[in-house]
Amino acid sequence: KHTPMLYTLVEHFLTEEGKEYLPKWIADINVELQEFEGFAELELLEDVINPDRTLLLLKFEKLIQLQCWAKSEEHNTFLKKLHPYMLHKQHSQLLQTV
Protein backbone atom coordinates (compact mmCIF):
# COMPACT_ATOMS: atom_id res chain seq x y z
CA LYS A 1 0.00 0.00 0.00
CA HIS A 2 1.33 3.42 -0.96
CA THR A 3 1.87 6.19 1.55
CA PRO A 4 -0.96 8.74 1.42
CA MET A 5 0.04 12.16 0.13
CA LEU A 6 -1.68 15.45 0.84
CA TYR A 7 -2.15 17.84 -2.08
CA THR A 8 -3.09 21.49 -1.90
CA LEU A 9 -4.23 22.88 -5.22
CA VAL A 10 -3.92 26.66 -5.04
CA GLU A 11 -5.23 29.04 -7.66
CA HIS A 12 -3.73 32.52 -7.59
CA PHE A 13 -5.39 35.44 -9.37
CA LEU A 14 -2.49 37.64 -10.44
CA THR A 15 -1.85 40.65 -12.62
CA GLU A 16 0.44 40.23 -15.64
CA GLU A 17 3.32 41.58 -13.55
CA GLY A 18 2.50 38.98 -10.90
CA LYS A 19 2.62 36.19 -13.46
CA GLU A 20 6.05 37.42 -14.57
CA TYR A 21 7.25 37.49 -10.95
CA LEU A 22 5.84 34.04 -10.12
CA PRO A 23 8.78 31.86 -11.30
CA LYS A 24 11.19 33.74 -9.00
CA TRP A 25 8.65 33.58 -6.16
CA ILE A 26 8.27 29.80 -6.63
CA ALA A 27 12.05 29.30 -6.69
CA ASP A 28 12.43 31.32 -3.47
CA ILE A 29 9.54 29.67 -1.66
CA ASN A 30 10.83 26.21 -2.66
CA VAL A 31 14.07 26.95 -0.79
CA GLU A 32 12.07 27.93 2.31
CA LEU A 33 9.80 24.88 2.06
CA GLN A 34 12.80 22.51 2.21
CA GLU A 35 13.10 23.43 5.90
CA PHE A 36 9.60 22.16 6.71
CA GLU A 37 9.11 18.56 7.76
CA GLY A 38 6.92 16.55 5.42
CA PHE A 39 7.32 18.90 2.44
CA ALA A 40 7.47 16.90 -0.79
CA GLU A 41 7.09 19.25 -3.76
CA LEU A 42 5.72 22.52 -5.13
CA GLU A 43 4.86 22.62 -8.82
CA LEU A 44 3.37 25.16 -11.21
CA LEU A 45 0.56 23.50 -13.18
CA GLU A 46 -1.04 24.48 -16.46
CA ASP A 47 -4.75 24.11 -17.07
CA VAL A 48 -4.84 22.52 -20.53
CA ILE A 49 -8.27 23.98 -21.34
CA ASN A 50 -7.68 27.41 -19.75
CA PRO A 51 -3.92 28.17 -19.73
CA ASP A 52 -4.48 31.68 -18.29
CA ARG A 53 -5.12 30.18 -14.85
CA THR A 54 -2.30 30.23 -12.28
CA LEU A 55 -2.28 26.91 -10.44
CA LEU A 56 0.19 25.58 -7.90
CA LEU A 57 0.29 22.06 -6.49
CA LEU A 58 1.82 21.83 -3.01
CA LYS A 59 2.55 18.34 -1.66
CA PHE A 60 3.04 17.41 1.98
CA GLU A 61 3.08 14.01 3.64
CA LYS A 62 0.62 14.83 6.44
CA LEU A 63 -2.07 17.39 7.24
CA ILE A 64 -0.39 18.47 10.48
CA GLN A 65 2.82 19.22 8.54
CA LEU A 66 0.93 21.28 5.98
CA GLN A 67 -0.82 23.17 8.80
CA CYS A 68 2.55 23.90 10.39
CA TRP A 69 3.66 25.53 7.11
CA ALA A 70 0.36 27.36 6.60
CA LYS A 71 0.55 28.94 10.08
CA SER A 72 4.24 29.86 9.81
CA GLU A 73 5.74 33.33 9.61
CA GLU A 74 7.56 32.21 6.45
CA HIS A 75 4.26 31.39 4.73
CA ASN A 76 2.84 34.81 5.68
CA THR A 77 5.97 36.55 4.42
CA PHE A 78 5.74 34.86 1.02
CA LEU A 79 2.03 35.60 0.66
CA LYS A 80 2.73 39.27 1.43
CA LYS A 81 5.22 39.34 -1.46
CA LEU A 82 2.37 38.39 -3.82
CA HIS A 83 -0.14 40.90 -2.37
CA PRO A 84 0.78 43.77 -4.75
CA TYR A 85 -0.02 41.48 -7.70
CA MET A 86 -3.21 39.86 -6.41
CA LEU A 87 -6.48 40.67 -8.15
CA HIS A 88 -8.21 38.91 -5.26
CA LYS A 89 -7.49 36.27 -2.61
CA GLN A 90 -6.16 32.90 -3.68
CA HIS A 91 -8.40 29.83 -3.62
CA SER A 92 -7.21 26.50 -2.17
CA GLN A 93 -8.49 22.94 -2.30
CA LEU A 94 -7.16 20.22 -0.02
CA LEU A 95 -6.97 16.75 -1.57
CA GLN A 96 -5.38 13.45 -0.63
CA THR A 97 -4.67 10.09 -2.19
CA VAL A 98 -6.73 7.15 -0.91
C-alpha atoms as a PDB file:
ATOM      1  CA  LYS A   1       0.000   0.000   0.000  1.00  0.00           C
ATOM      2  CA  HIS A   2       1.327   3.419  -0.961  1.00  0.00           C
ATOM      3  CA  THR A   3       1.872   6.188   1.552  1.00  0.00           C
ATOM      4  CA  PRO A   4      -0.960   8.742   1.418  1.00  0.00           C
ATOM      5  CA  MET A   5       0.036  12.157   0.129  1.00  0.00           C
ATOM      6  CA  LEU A   6      -1.679  15.454   0.838  1.00  0.00           C
ATOM      7  CA  TYR A   7      -2.149  17.843  -2.084  1.00  0.00           C
ATOM      8  CA  THR A   8      -3.091  21.493  -1.896  1.00  0.00           C
ATOM      9  CA  LEU A   9      -4.234  22.877  -5.224  1.00  0.00           C
ATOM     10  CA  VAL A  10      -3.916  26.660  -5.043  1.00  0.00           C
ATOM     11  CA  GLU A  11      -5.227  29.042  -7.658  1.00  0.00           C
ATOM     12  CA  HIS A  12      -3.731  32.519  -7.594  1.00  0.00           C
ATOM     13  CA  PHE A  13      -5.389  35.435  -9.371  1.00  0.00           C
ATOM     14  CA  LEU A  14      -2.491  37.645 -10.440  1.00  0.00           C
ATOM     15  CA  THR A  15      -1.847  40.653 -12.619  1.00  0.00           C
ATOM     16  CA  GLU A  16       0.439  40.228 -15.644  1.00  0.00           C
ATOM     17  CA  GLU A  17       3.320  41.582 -13.550  1.00  0.00           C
ATOM     18  CA  GLY A  18       2.503  38.984 -10.902  1.00  0.00           C
ATOM     19  CA  LYS A  19       2.618  36.186 -13.463  1.00  0.00           C
ATOM     20  CA  GLU A  20       6.050  37.415 -14.575  1.00  0.00           C
ATOM     21  CA  TYR A  21       7.251  37.492 -10.946  1.00  0.00           C
ATOM     22  CA  LEU A  22       5.840  34.043 -10.121  1.00  0.00           C
ATOM     23  CA  PRO A  23       8.784  31.855 -11.302  1.00  0.00           C
ATOM     24  CA  LYS A  24      11.189  33.740  -8.996  1.00  0.00           C
ATOM     25  CA  TRP A  25       8.653  33.578  -6.156  1.00  0.00           C
ATOM     26  CA  ILE A  26       8.267  29.804  -6.635  1.00  0.00           C
ATOM     27  CA  ALA A  27      12.050  29.298  -6.686  1.00  0.00           C
ATOM     28  CA  ASP A  28      12.431  31.319  -3.473  1.00  0.00           C
ATOM     29  CA  ILE A  29       9.543  29.665  -1.656  1.00  0.00           C
ATOM     30  CA  ASN A  30      10.828  26.211  -2.656  1.00  0.00           C
ATOM     31  CA  VAL A  31      14.067  26.953  -0.786  1.00  0.00           C
ATOM     32  CA  GLU A  32      12.072  27.930   2.313  1.00  0.00           C
ATOM     33  CA  LEU A  33       9.803  24.878   2.060  1.00  0.00           C
ATOM     34  CA  GLN A  34      12.800  22.510   2.208  1.00  0.00           C
ATOM     35  CA  GLU A  35      13.104  23.433   5.900  1.00  0.00           C
ATOM     36  CA  PHE A  36       9.599  22.156   6.705  1.00  0.00           C
ATOM     37  CA  GLU A  37       9.106  18.559   7.761  1.00  0.00           C
ATOM     38  CA  GLY A  38       6.923  16.552   5.417  1.00  0.00           C
ATOM     39  CA  PHE A  39       7.323  18.898   2.440  1.00  0.00           C
ATOM     40  CA  ALA A  40       7.466  16.896  -0.795  1.00  0.00           C
ATOM     41  CA  GLU A  41       7.094  19.252  -3.761  1.00  0.00           C
ATOM     42  CA  LEU A  42       5.718  22.517  -5.133  1.00  0.00           C
ATOM     43  CA  GLU A  43       4.856  22.621  -8.825  1.00  0.00           C
ATOM     44  CA  LEU A  44       3.372  25.155 -11.215  1.00  0.00           C
ATOM     45  CA  LEU A  45       0.561  23.505 -13.182  1.00  0.00           C
ATOM     46  CA  GLU A  46      -1.040  24.484 -16.465  1.00  0.00           C
ATOM     47  CA  ASP A  47      -4.745  24.113 -17.066  1.00  0.00           C
ATOM     48  CA  VAL A  48      -4.837  22.520 -20.531  1.00  0.00           C
ATOM     49  CA  ILE A  49      -8.267  23.984 -21.337  1.00  0.00           C
ATOM     50  CA  ASN A  50      -7.681  27.406 -19.752  1.00  0.00           C
ATOM     51  CA  PRO A  51      -3.923  28.174 -19.734  1.00  0.00           C
ATOM     52  CA  ASP A  52      -4.480  31.676 -18.294  1.00  0.00           C
ATOM     53  CA  ARG A  53      -5.120  30.177 -14.848  1.00  0.00           C
ATOM     54  CA  THR A  54      -2.298  30.230 -12.283  1.00  0.00           C
ATOM     55  CA  LEU A  55      -2.277  26.913 -10.440  1.00  0.00           C
ATOM     56  CA  LEU A  56       0.189  25.584  -7.902  1.00  0.00           C
ATOM     57  CA  LEU A  57       0.291  22.064  -6.487  1.00  0.00           C
ATOM     58  CA  LEU A  58       1.816  21.825  -3.014  1.00  0.00           C
ATOM     59  CA  LYS A  59       2.550  18.337  -1.658  1.00  0.00           C
ATOM     60  CA  PHE A  60       3.037  17.408   1.977  1.00  0.00           C
ATOM     61  CA  GLU A  61       3.081  14.005   3.637  1.00  0.00           C
ATOM     62  CA  LYS A  62       0.618  14.826   6.439  1.00  0.00           C
ATOM     63  CA  LEU A  63      -2.071  17.388   7.239  1.00  0.00           C
ATOM     64  CA  ILE A  64      -0.385  18.471  10.480  1.00  0.00           C
ATOM     65  CA  GLN A  65       2.821  19.225   8.541  1.00  0.00           C
ATOM     66  CA  LEU A  66       0.925  21.283   5.984  1.00  0.00           C
ATOM     67  CA  GLN A  67      -0.821  23.168   8.796  1.00  0.00           C
ATOM     68  CA  CYS A  68       2.552  23.903  10.390  1.00  0.00           C
ATOM     69  CA  TRP A  69       3.663  25.526   7.105  1.00  0.00           C
ATOM     70  CA  ALA A  70       0.362  27.362   6.604  1.00  0.00           C
ATOM     71  CA  LYS A  71       0.552  28.938  10.084  1.00  0.00           C
ATOM     72  CA  SER A  72       4.238  29.859   9.808  1.00  0.00           C
ATOM     73  CA  GLU A  73       5.736  33.329   9.608  1.00  0.00           C
ATOM     74  CA  GLU A  74       7.559  32.212   6.447  1.00  0.00           C
ATOM     75  CA  HIS A  75       4.256  31.393   4.734  1.00  0.00           C
ATOM     76  CA  ASN A  76       2.841  34.805   5.682  1.00  0.00           C
ATOM     77  CA  THR A  77       5.967  36.551   4.420  1.00  0.00           C
ATOM     78  CA  PHE A  78       5.745  34.860   1.021  1.00  0.00           C
ATOM     79  CA  LEU A  79       2.034  35.598   0.657  1.00  0.00           C
ATOM     80  CA  LYS A  80       2.733  39.272   1.427  1.00  0.00           C
ATOM     81  CA  LYS A  81       5.223  39.336  -1.463  1.00  0.00           C
ATOM     82  CA  LEU A  82       2.368  38.392  -3.821  1.00  0.00           C
ATOM     83  CA  HIS A  83      -0.140  40.900  -2.371  1.00  0.00           C
ATOM     84  CA  PRO A  84       0.781  43.766  -4.751  1.00  0.00           C
ATOM     85  CA  TYR A  85      -0.016  41.480  -7.705  1.00  0.00           C
ATOM     86  CA  MET A  86      -3.215  39.858  -6.409  1.00  0.00           C
ATOM     87  CA  LEU A  87      -6.478  40.674  -8.145  1.00  0.00           C
ATOM     88  CA  HIS A  88      -8.213  38.907  -5.259  1.00  0.00           C
ATOM     89  CA  LYS A  89      -7.495  36.269  -2.607  1.00  0.00           C
ATOM     90  CA  GLN A  90      -6.160  32.898  -3.678  1.00  0.00           C
ATOM     91  CA  HIS A  91      -8.401  29.829  -3.616  1.00  0.00           C
ATOM     92  CA  SER A  92      -7.212  26.503  -2.175  1.00  0.00           C
ATOM     93  CA  GLN A  93      -8.487  22.937  -2.304  1.00  0.00           C
ATOM     94  CA  LEU A  94      -7.155  20.218  -0.015  1.00  0.00           C
ATOM     95  CA  LEU A  95      -6.966  16.749  -1.567  1.00  0.00           C
ATOM     96  CA  GLN A  96      -5.375  13.448  -0.625  1.00  0.00           C
ATOM     97  CA  THR A  97      -4.668  10.093  -2.190  1.00  0.00           C
ATOM     98  CA  VAL A  98      -6.726   7.154  -0.911  1.00  0.00           C
END
